[in-house]
Every structure is written in C-alpha cells, then in structure tokens.
Amino acid sequence: SHTILQPEGFDPVLCKVYYSGFIQYCTFDASIFCLIALTYERYYGIVHALHYNLNFTNTKLIIMIILIWSCCTLPNIDYLVLYYVNETGECMISESSPTYLKFSG
C-alpha cells in the first residue's frame, strides 16, 4: 500500500486532484493540443488567407478550445479514482482499482 504524507485534516479533494497528477496530466495534454491547434490555425491563415475570416470565427475558436480541454480532461479522470483518503486521514493509492492495475502491469 502506498501512502502519501500530508498535514493533519487533509482535504480529500486535494488528495484526488493534486497528488494524483490529474492537473499535471490535463495541462500537459492540453498544452500539446493547443500548440497543434495554433499551428494549424497559423498554417490555414497563411495558405488560405482569403478564406481565413470565414472559417475561423471567434465562436469556432472557442468551441475548439472547449473541445481540446474536454478531450484532455476526460481520459485523465481515472486518476481521480485512483487516490483516496483512508480512515486515518492518509492519502493513499487504491491498489484494487482497475486504473492502478492497468498502469502497474
């Protein structure tokens, strides 16, 4: 059993979100996808300059950003299931979780 040391009265949300690496994985994935989207947007603006304003409106760009963050958040939700706070208040990894078994081999 893996235990993470933390201060007394530890918040279960902090255990799941911070120690699981959920935020790190989401921002890492979103960073890559945002760079890809930005590169495509710049490419389209140069190659298809006359059609750029028709195809890249503010609404479409906002939808693209929402899709990017959704696609980066949903696959990483299983990290939130992996960590829990036990009866003694320790942040622990659930070794019986399918997520743990998937990543540990």
N, C-alpha and C. Protein backbone atom coordinates (compact mmCIF):
# COMPACT_ATOMS: atom_id res chain seq x y z
N SER A 1 0.84 -1.18 0.00
CA SER A 1 0.00 0.00 0.00
C SER A 1 0.89 1.24 0.00
N HIS A 2 0.57 2.19 -0.84
CA HIS A 2 1.36 3.41 -0.96
C HIS A 2 0.67 4.54 -0.23
N THR A 3 1.39 5.20 0.65
CA THR A 3 0.84 6.29 1.43
C THR A 3 1.60 7.57 1.13
N ILE A 4 0.87 8.65 1.03
CA ILE A 4 1.48 9.96 0.82
C ILE A 4 1.33 10.75 2.11
N LEU A 5 2.43 11.27 2.63
CA LEU A 5 2.37 12.04 3.87
C LEU A 5 1.78 13.41 3.59
N GLN A 6 0.90 13.85 4.46
CA GLN A 6 0.27 15.14 4.31
C GLN A 6 -0.10 15.67 5.69
N PRO A 7 -0.41 16.96 5.77
CA PRO A 7 -0.76 17.53 7.06
C PRO A 7 -2.06 16.94 7.61
N GLU A 8 -2.25 17.09 8.90
CA GLU A 8 -3.44 16.57 9.55
C GLU A 8 -4.67 17.30 9.04
N GLY A 9 -5.80 16.61 8.96
CA GLY A 9 -7.03 17.22 8.46
C GLY A 9 -6.97 17.43 6.95
N PHE A 10 -6.37 16.51 6.25
CA PHE A 10 -6.14 16.63 4.81
C PHE A 10 -7.45 16.59 4.05
N ASP A 11 -7.59 17.44 3.07
CA ASP A 11 -8.79 17.53 2.27
C ASP A 11 -8.80 16.41 1.22
N PRO A 12 -9.86 15.61 1.14
CA PRO A 12 -9.93 14.52 0.15
C PRO A 12 -9.86 15.02 -1.30
N VAL A 13 -10.39 16.21 -1.54
CA VAL A 13 -10.35 16.77 -2.91
C VAL A 13 -8.90 17.05 -3.29
N LEU A 14 -8.13 17.60 -2.38
CA LEU A 14 -6.72 17.88 -2.65
C LEU A 14 -5.97 16.58 -2.91
N CYS A 15 -6.31 15.55 -2.17
CA CYS A 15 -5.68 14.24 -2.36
C CYS A 15 -5.94 13.74 -3.77
N LYS A 16 -7.18 13.80 -4.21
CA LYS A 16 -7.54 13.28 -5.53
C LYS A 16 -7.02 14.15 -6.67
N VAL A 17 -7.10 15.45 -6.53
CA VAL A 17 -6.75 16.34 -7.64
C VAL A 17 -5.25 16.61 -7.70
N TYR A 18 -4.65 16.96 -6.58
CA TYR A 18 -3.24 17.38 -6.60
C TYR A 18 -2.28 16.18 -6.64
N TYR A 19 -2.42 15.27 -5.71
CA TYR A 19 -1.46 14.17 -5.61
C TYR A 19 -1.62 13.13 -6.71
N SER A 20 -2.79 13.06 -7.32
CA SER A 20 -2.99 12.08 -8.38
C SER A 20 -2.29 12.50 -9.67
N GLY A 21 -1.94 13.75 -9.79
CA GLY A 21 -1.31 14.23 -11.02
C GLY A 21 -2.33 14.61 -12.07
N PHE A 22 -3.61 14.65 -11.69
CA PHE A 22 -4.69 14.96 -12.64
C PHE A 22 -4.46 16.29 -13.33
N ILE A 23 -4.15 17.32 -12.56
CA ILE A 23 -3.94 18.65 -13.15
C ILE A 23 -2.72 18.65 -14.05
N GLN A 24 -1.68 17.99 -13.63
CA GLN A 24 -0.45 17.94 -14.44
C GLN A 24 -0.68 17.26 -15.77
N TYR A 25 -1.36 16.12 -15.74
CA TYR A 25 -1.61 15.39 -16.99
C TYR A 25 -2.55 16.16 -17.91
N CYS A 26 -3.58 16.79 -17.34
CA CYS A 26 -4.52 17.56 -18.17
C CYS A 26 -3.83 18.75 -18.82
N THR A 27 -3.05 19.48 -18.05
CA THR A 27 -2.38 20.66 -18.62
C THR A 27 -1.30 20.27 -19.62
N PHE A 28 -0.63 19.15 -19.39
CA PHE A 28 0.37 18.67 -20.34
C PHE A 28 -0.29 18.32 -21.67
N ASP A 29 -1.38 17.55 -21.60
CA ASP A 29 -2.09 17.17 -22.83
C ASP A 29 -2.67 18.39 -23.53
N ALA A 30 -3.29 19.29 -22.76
CA ALA A 30 -3.90 20.49 -23.36
C ALA A 30 -2.85 21.37 -24.00
N SER A 31 -1.69 21.46 -23.41
CA SER A 31 -0.61 22.26 -23.97
C SER A 31 -0.22 21.75 -25.35
N ILE A 32 -0.08 20.46 -25.47
CA ILE A 32 0.28 19.87 -26.76
C ILE A 32 -0.81 20.12 -27.80
N PHE A 33 -2.07 19.85 -27.42
CA PHE A 33 -3.16 20.04 -28.37
C PHE A 33 -3.37 21.50 -28.73
N CYS A 34 -3.16 22.42 -27.79
CA CYS A 34 -3.28 23.85 -28.11
C CYS A 34 -2.19 24.29 -29.08
N LEU A 35 -0.99 23.76 -28.92
CA LEU A 35 0.09 24.08 -29.87
C LEU A 35 -0.23 23.54 -31.26
N ILE A 36 -0.80 22.35 -31.32
CA ILE A 36 -1.20 21.79 -32.61
C ILE A 36 -2.29 22.65 -33.25
N ALA A 37 -3.29 23.04 -32.46
CA ALA A 37 -4.37 23.88 -32.98
C ALA A 37 -3.85 25.24 -33.43
N LEU A 38 -2.96 25.82 -32.67
CA LEU A 38 -2.38 27.11 -33.03
C LEU A 38 -1.58 27.00 -34.33
N THR A 39 -0.82 25.92 -34.46
CA THR A 39 -0.04 25.71 -35.68
C THR A 39 -0.95 25.55 -36.89
N TYR A 40 -2.03 24.78 -36.73
CA TYR A 40 -2.98 24.61 -37.83
C TYR A 40 -3.65 25.94 -38.19
N GLU A 41 -4.01 26.70 -37.18
CA GLU A 41 -4.67 27.99 -37.42
C GLU A 41 -3.75 28.95 -38.17
N ARG A 42 -2.48 29.00 -37.79
CA ARG A 42 -1.50 29.83 -38.48
C ARG A 42 -1.26 29.34 -39.91
N TYR A 43 -1.16 28.02 -40.08
CA TYR A 43 -0.98 27.44 -41.41
C TYR A 43 -2.15 27.82 -42.32
N TYR A 44 -3.37 27.65 -41.81
CA TYR A 44 -4.56 27.96 -42.58
C TYR A 44 -4.61 29.45 -42.93
N GLY A 45 -4.19 30.29 -41.99
CA GLY A 45 -4.18 31.73 -42.23
C GLY A 45 -3.21 32.14 -43.33
N ILE A 46 -2.11 31.40 -43.46
CA ILE A 46 -1.12 31.72 -44.49
C ILE A 46 -1.51 31.10 -45.84
N VAL A 47 -1.87 29.85 -45.84
CA VAL A 47 -2.15 29.15 -47.10
C VAL A 47 -3.50 29.54 -47.69
N HIS A 48 -4.50 29.73 -46.85
CA HIS A 48 -5.85 30.07 -47.31
C HIS A 48 -6.27 31.44 -46.76
N ALA A 49 -5.45 32.43 -47.03
CA ALA A 49 -5.66 33.76 -46.44
C ALA A 49 -7.01 34.37 -46.81
N LEU A 50 -7.51 34.10 -48.02
CA LEU A 50 -8.78 34.70 -48.44
C LEU A 50 -9.98 34.07 -47.74
N HIS A 51 -9.87 32.84 -47.28
CA HIS A 51 -10.99 32.16 -46.63
C HIS A 51 -10.84 32.11 -45.11
N TYR A 52 -9.78 32.67 -44.60
CA TYR A 52 -9.49 32.57 -43.17
C TYR A 52 -10.62 33.16 -42.32
N ASN A 53 -11.07 34.36 -42.63
CA ASN A 53 -12.09 35.02 -41.81
C ASN A 53 -13.43 34.29 -41.84
N LEU A 54 -13.68 33.54 -42.91
CA LEU A 54 -14.94 32.79 -42.98
C LEU A 54 -14.89 31.52 -42.13
N ASN A 55 -13.74 30.91 -42.06
CA ASN A 55 -13.63 29.62 -41.39
C ASN A 55 -13.15 29.70 -39.94
N PHE A 56 -12.51 30.76 -39.54
CA PHE A 56 -12.01 30.87 -38.16
C PHE A 56 -12.66 32.07 -37.47
N THR A 57 -13.89 31.86 -37.05
CA THR A 57 -14.59 32.89 -36.30
C THR A 57 -14.30 32.71 -34.81
N ASN A 58 -14.63 33.71 -34.01
CA ASN A 58 -14.41 33.61 -32.56
C ASN A 58 -15.19 32.45 -31.95
N THR A 59 -16.41 32.24 -32.44
CA THR A 59 -17.23 31.15 -31.92
C THR A 59 -16.58 29.80 -32.19
N LYS A 60 -16.08 29.60 -33.40
CA LYS A 60 -15.42 28.33 -33.75
C LYS A 60 -14.14 28.12 -32.94
N LEU A 61 -13.42 29.19 -32.68
CA LEU A 61 -12.20 29.06 -31.89
C LEU A 61 -12.51 28.73 -30.43
N ILE A 62 -13.57 29.32 -29.89
CA ILE A 62 -13.98 29.00 -28.52
C ILE A 62 -14.42 27.54 -28.43
N ILE A 63 -15.17 27.07 -29.43
CA ILE A 63 -15.58 25.67 -29.47
C ILE A 63 -14.36 24.76 -29.54
N MET A 64 -13.35 25.16 -30.32
CA MET A 64 -12.13 24.36 -30.45
C MET A 64 -11.41 24.26 -29.10
N ILE A 65 -11.35 25.35 -28.37
CA ILE A 65 -10.69 25.35 -27.06
C ILE A 65 -11.45 24.46 -26.08
N ILE A 66 -12.77 24.55 -26.09
CA ILE A 66 -13.59 23.71 -25.21
C ILE A 66 -13.39 22.23 -25.55
N LEU A 67 -13.36 21.91 -26.84
CA LEU A 67 -13.13 20.53 -27.26
C LEU A 67 -11.75 20.03 -26.84
N ILE A 68 -10.75 20.88 -26.98
CA ILE A 68 -9.39 20.50 -26.58
C ILE A 68 -9.36 20.15 -25.09
N TRP A 69 -9.91 21.03 -24.24
CA TRP A 69 -9.88 20.78 -22.81
C TRP A 69 -10.73 19.58 -22.41
N SER A 70 -11.84 19.38 -23.12
CA SER A 70 -12.68 18.20 -22.84
C SER A 70 -11.94 16.92 -23.20
N CYS A 71 -11.30 16.92 -24.36
CA CYS A 71 -10.56 15.74 -24.80
C CYS A 71 -9.35 15.47 -23.92
N CYS A 72 -8.84 16.46 -23.24
CA CYS A 72 -7.70 16.27 -22.35
C CYS A 72 -8.14 15.89 -20.93
N THR A 73 -9.31 16.31 -20.53
CA THR A 73 -9.79 16.05 -19.18
C THR A 73 -10.40 14.66 -19.06
N LEU A 74 -11.23 14.28 -20.00
CA LEU A 74 -11.96 13.02 -19.90
C LEU A 74 -11.07 11.79 -19.78
N PRO A 75 -10.01 11.64 -20.58
CA PRO A 75 -9.18 10.44 -20.43
C PRO A 75 -8.40 10.39 -19.11
N ASN A 76 -8.24 11.52 -18.45
CA ASN A 76 -7.45 11.58 -17.23
C ASN A 76 -8.30 11.49 -15.96
N ILE A 77 -9.59 11.35 -16.10
CA ILE A 77 -10.47 11.29 -14.93
C ILE A 77 -10.17 10.05 -14.08
N ASP A 78 -9.68 9.00 -14.72
CA ASP A 78 -9.40 7.78 -13.94
C ASP A 78 -8.34 8.02 -12.87
N TYR A 79 -7.50 9.04 -13.02
CA TYR A 79 -6.52 9.36 -11.97
C TYR A 79 -7.22 9.84 -10.69
N LEU A 80 -8.39 10.45 -10.84
CA LEU A 80 -9.14 10.91 -9.67
C LEU A 80 -9.69 9.73 -8.86
N VAL A 81 -9.95 8.62 -9.53
CA VAL A 81 -10.49 7.44 -8.86
C VAL A 81 -9.40 6.69 -8.12
N LEU A 82 -8.19 6.82 -8.57
CA LEU A 82 -7.07 6.05 -8.04
C LEU A 82 -6.70 6.42 -6.60
N TYR A 83 -6.84 7.68 -6.22
CA TYR A 83 -6.43 8.14 -4.89
C TYR A 83 -7.64 8.33 -3.98
N TYR A 84 -7.45 8.05 -2.70
CA TYR A 84 -8.50 8.25 -1.71
C TYR A 84 -7.87 8.54 -0.35
N VAL A 85 -8.67 9.09 0.56
CA VAL A 85 -8.23 9.35 1.93
C VAL A 85 -8.83 8.25 2.80
N ASN A 86 -7.96 7.51 3.50
CA ASN A 86 -8.44 6.40 4.34
C ASN A 86 -8.98 6.91 5.67
N GLU A 87 -9.34 5.97 6.54
CA GLU A 87 -9.96 6.32 7.82
C GLU A 87 -9.05 7.15 8.72
N THR A 88 -7.74 6.95 8.59
CA THR A 88 -6.80 7.70 9.44
C THR A 88 -6.41 9.04 8.83
N GLY A 89 -6.97 9.38 7.67
CA GLY A 89 -6.71 10.67 7.05
C GLY A 89 -5.51 10.70 6.13
N GLU A 90 -5.01 9.52 5.73
CA GLU A 90 -3.85 9.46 4.85
C GLU A 90 -4.32 9.36 3.40
N CYS A 91 -3.61 10.04 2.52
CA CYS A 91 -3.88 9.98 1.09
C CYS A 91 -3.21 8.72 0.54
N MET A 92 -4.02 7.81 -0.02
CA MET A 92 -3.49 6.52 -0.45
C MET A 92 -3.91 6.20 -1.88
N ILE A 93 -3.17 5.25 -2.48
CA ILE A 93 -3.49 4.76 -3.81
C ILE A 93 -4.28 3.47 -3.64
N SER A 94 -5.40 3.38 -4.34
CA SER A 94 -6.21 2.18 -4.29
C SER A 94 -5.61 1.14 -5.23
N GLU A 95 -4.97 0.12 -4.64
CA GLU A 95 -4.31 -0.90 -5.44
C GLU A 95 -5.29 -1.88 -6.08
N SER A 96 -6.54 -1.86 -5.64
CA SER A 96 -7.54 -2.74 -6.25
C SER A 96 -8.26 -2.05 -7.40
N SER A 97 -7.94 -0.78 -7.62
CA SER A 97 -8.59 -0.03 -8.69
C SER A 97 -8.13 -0.54 -10.06
N PRO A 98 -9.05 -0.64 -11.03
CA PRO A 98 -8.66 -1.06 -12.38
C PRO A 98 -7.62 -0.12 -12.99
N THR A 99 -7.67 1.14 -12.62
CA THR A 99 -6.68 2.10 -13.11
C THR A 99 -5.29 1.75 -12.62
N TYR A 100 -5.18 1.41 -11.34
CA TYR A 100 -3.88 1.04 -10.78
C TYR A 100 -3.37 -0.23 -11.45
N LEU A 101 -4.25 -1.19 -11.63
CA LEU A 101 -3.84 -2.44 -12.24
C LEU A 101 -3.41 -2.24 -13.69
N LYS A 102 -4.07 -1.31 -14.37
CA LYS A 102 -3.72 -1.01 -15.76
C LYS A 102 -2.33 -0.42 -15.87
N PHE A 103 -1.98 0.48 -14.95
CA PHE A 103 -0.69 1.17 -15.03
C PHE A 103 0.45 0.41 -14.35
N SER A 104 0.11 -0.46 -13.42
CA SER A 104 1.18 -1.18 -12.72
C SER A 104 1.56 -2.48 -13.42
N GLY A 105 0.77 -2.88 -14.36
CA GLY A 105 1.09 -4.10 -15.11
C GLY A 105 0.40 -5.22 -14.52
